[in-house]
Amino acid sequence: MVTVLMSTSCPAVDAVILALPVGSDLPKHVPFEALGFTNKLGSAVAVPSEPDAKSAVTVYVSVDVAADAEAQRRAVAKGLRAAGRPTTVAIDFG
């Protein structure tokens, strides 16, 4: 069973799922284009986290800006699949 925590309340987790609004600017430190991530609705990519991060893997998931609770749940599920088999996960939809 996966334990899910909000990212601000956890000391360390296996993976962090970060929501990226569709069409927004992507973080510059990740080679999204080389990984095939297009930031279109439903896209997800898992990358190793920075050495000083609280997680081993960071998963970026594209979501609609006006995503309702069901769309957010689906985005988290897609992020969990992209993360592999984590046992503890933090979610940051902020």
Protein backbone atom coordinates (compact mmCIF):
# COMPACT_ATOMS: atom_id res chain seq x y z
CA MET A 1 0.00 0.00 0.00
CA VAL A 2 1.25 3.46 -0.89
CA THR A 3 1.37 6.17 1.76
CA VAL A 4 0.50 9.59 0.35
CA LEU A 5 1.56 12.81 2.10
CA MET A 6 1.33 16.46 1.23
CA SER A 7 4.80 17.59 0.21
CA THR A 8 5.11 20.28 2.89
CA SER A 9 4.61 17.80 5.74
CA CYS A 10 7.06 15.04 4.89
CA PRO A 11 10.73 14.67 5.78
CA ALA A 12 11.62 12.13 3.07
CA VAL A 13 9.69 10.05 0.56
CA ASP A 14 10.36 7.70 -2.34
CA ALA A 15 8.78 10.02 -4.92
CA VAL A 16 7.31 13.51 -5.25
CA ILE A 17 4.54 14.13 -7.77
CA LEU A 18 4.52 17.70 -9.07
CA ALA A 19 1.65 19.11 -11.13
CA LEU A 20 2.55 21.31 -14.08
CA PRO A 21 -0.29 23.34 -15.61
CA VAL A 22 -0.70 22.52 -19.30
CA GLY A 23 1.19 25.02 -21.45
CA SER A 24 3.14 26.53 -18.55
CA ASP A 25 6.88 27.14 -18.58
CA LEU A 26 8.84 24.04 -17.64
CA PRO A 27 11.64 24.00 -15.06
CA LYS A 28 14.96 24.62 -16.82
CA HIS A 29 17.02 22.00 -14.93
CA VAL A 30 15.20 18.98 -16.43
CA PRO A 31 15.74 17.94 -20.10
CA PHE A 32 12.02 17.50 -20.78
CA GLU A 33 12.37 17.52 -24.56
CA ALA A 34 14.98 14.75 -24.48
CA LEU A 35 12.65 12.69 -22.26
CA GLY A 36 9.71 13.14 -24.64
CA PHE A 37 7.65 15.20 -22.18
CA THR A 38 5.45 17.67 -24.05
CA ASN A 39 3.41 19.25 -21.21
CA LYS A 40 0.18 18.26 -22.92
CA LEU A 41 -2.72 17.12 -20.77
CA GLY A 42 -1.99 13.67 -19.35
CA SER A 43 1.76 13.71 -19.93
CA ALA A 44 3.96 12.37 -17.14
CA VAL A 45 7.68 11.80 -16.72
CA ALA A 46 9.79 10.54 -13.81
CA VAL A 47 13.33 11.84 -13.33
CA PRO A 48 15.94 11.36 -10.60
CA SER A 49 15.66 14.11 -8.00
CA GLU A 50 18.37 16.61 -7.17
CA PRO A 51 20.91 15.28 -4.63
CA ASP A 52 19.59 17.56 -1.86
CA ALA A 53 15.90 16.73 -2.50
CA LYS A 54 13.58 14.92 -0.10
CA SER A 55 12.88 12.17 -2.63
CA ALA A 56 14.71 9.80 -4.94
CA VAL A 57 12.39 10.49 -7.88
CA THR A 58 10.45 13.54 -9.02
CA VAL A 59 7.44 12.93 -11.25
CA TYR A 60 6.06 15.78 -13.35
CA VAL A 61 2.42 15.44 -14.45
CA SER A 62 0.59 17.85 -16.76
CA VAL A 63 -2.82 18.96 -15.46
CA ASP A 64 -5.49 21.37 -16.63
CA VAL A 65 -5.39 24.71 -14.83
CA ALA A 66 -9.05 24.28 -13.84
CA ALA A 67 -8.73 20.62 -12.84
CA ASP A 68 -11.50 19.36 -10.60
CA ALA A 69 -11.03 16.74 -7.88
CA GLU A 70 -11.48 13.83 -10.32
CA ALA A 71 -8.90 15.25 -12.75
CA GLN A 72 -6.46 15.73 -9.88
CA ARG A 73 -7.04 12.13 -8.71
CA ARG A 74 -6.32 10.87 -12.24
CA ALA A 75 -3.15 12.99 -12.39
CA VAL A 76 -1.95 11.51 -9.10
CA ALA A 77 -2.69 7.99 -10.38
CA LYS A 78 -0.70 8.71 -13.56
CA GLY A 79 2.14 10.03 -11.40
CA LEU A 80 2.12 6.91 -9.25
CA ARG A 81 2.36 4.71 -12.34
CA ALA A 82 5.23 6.83 -13.69
CA ALA A 83 7.07 6.65 -10.36
CA GLY A 84 7.32 2.87 -10.47
CA ARG A 85 6.73 1.19 -7.14
CA PRO A 86 7.10 3.84 -4.44
CA THR A 87 5.92 3.13 -0.90
CA THR A 88 5.76 6.76 0.23
CA VAL A 89 4.77 9.61 -2.06
CA ALA A 90 4.36 13.35 -1.61
CA ILE A 91 2.07 15.40 -3.82
CA ASP A 92 2.57 19.05 -4.73
CA PHE A 93 -0.29 20.59 -6.70
CA GLY A 94 0.62 24.10 -5.57
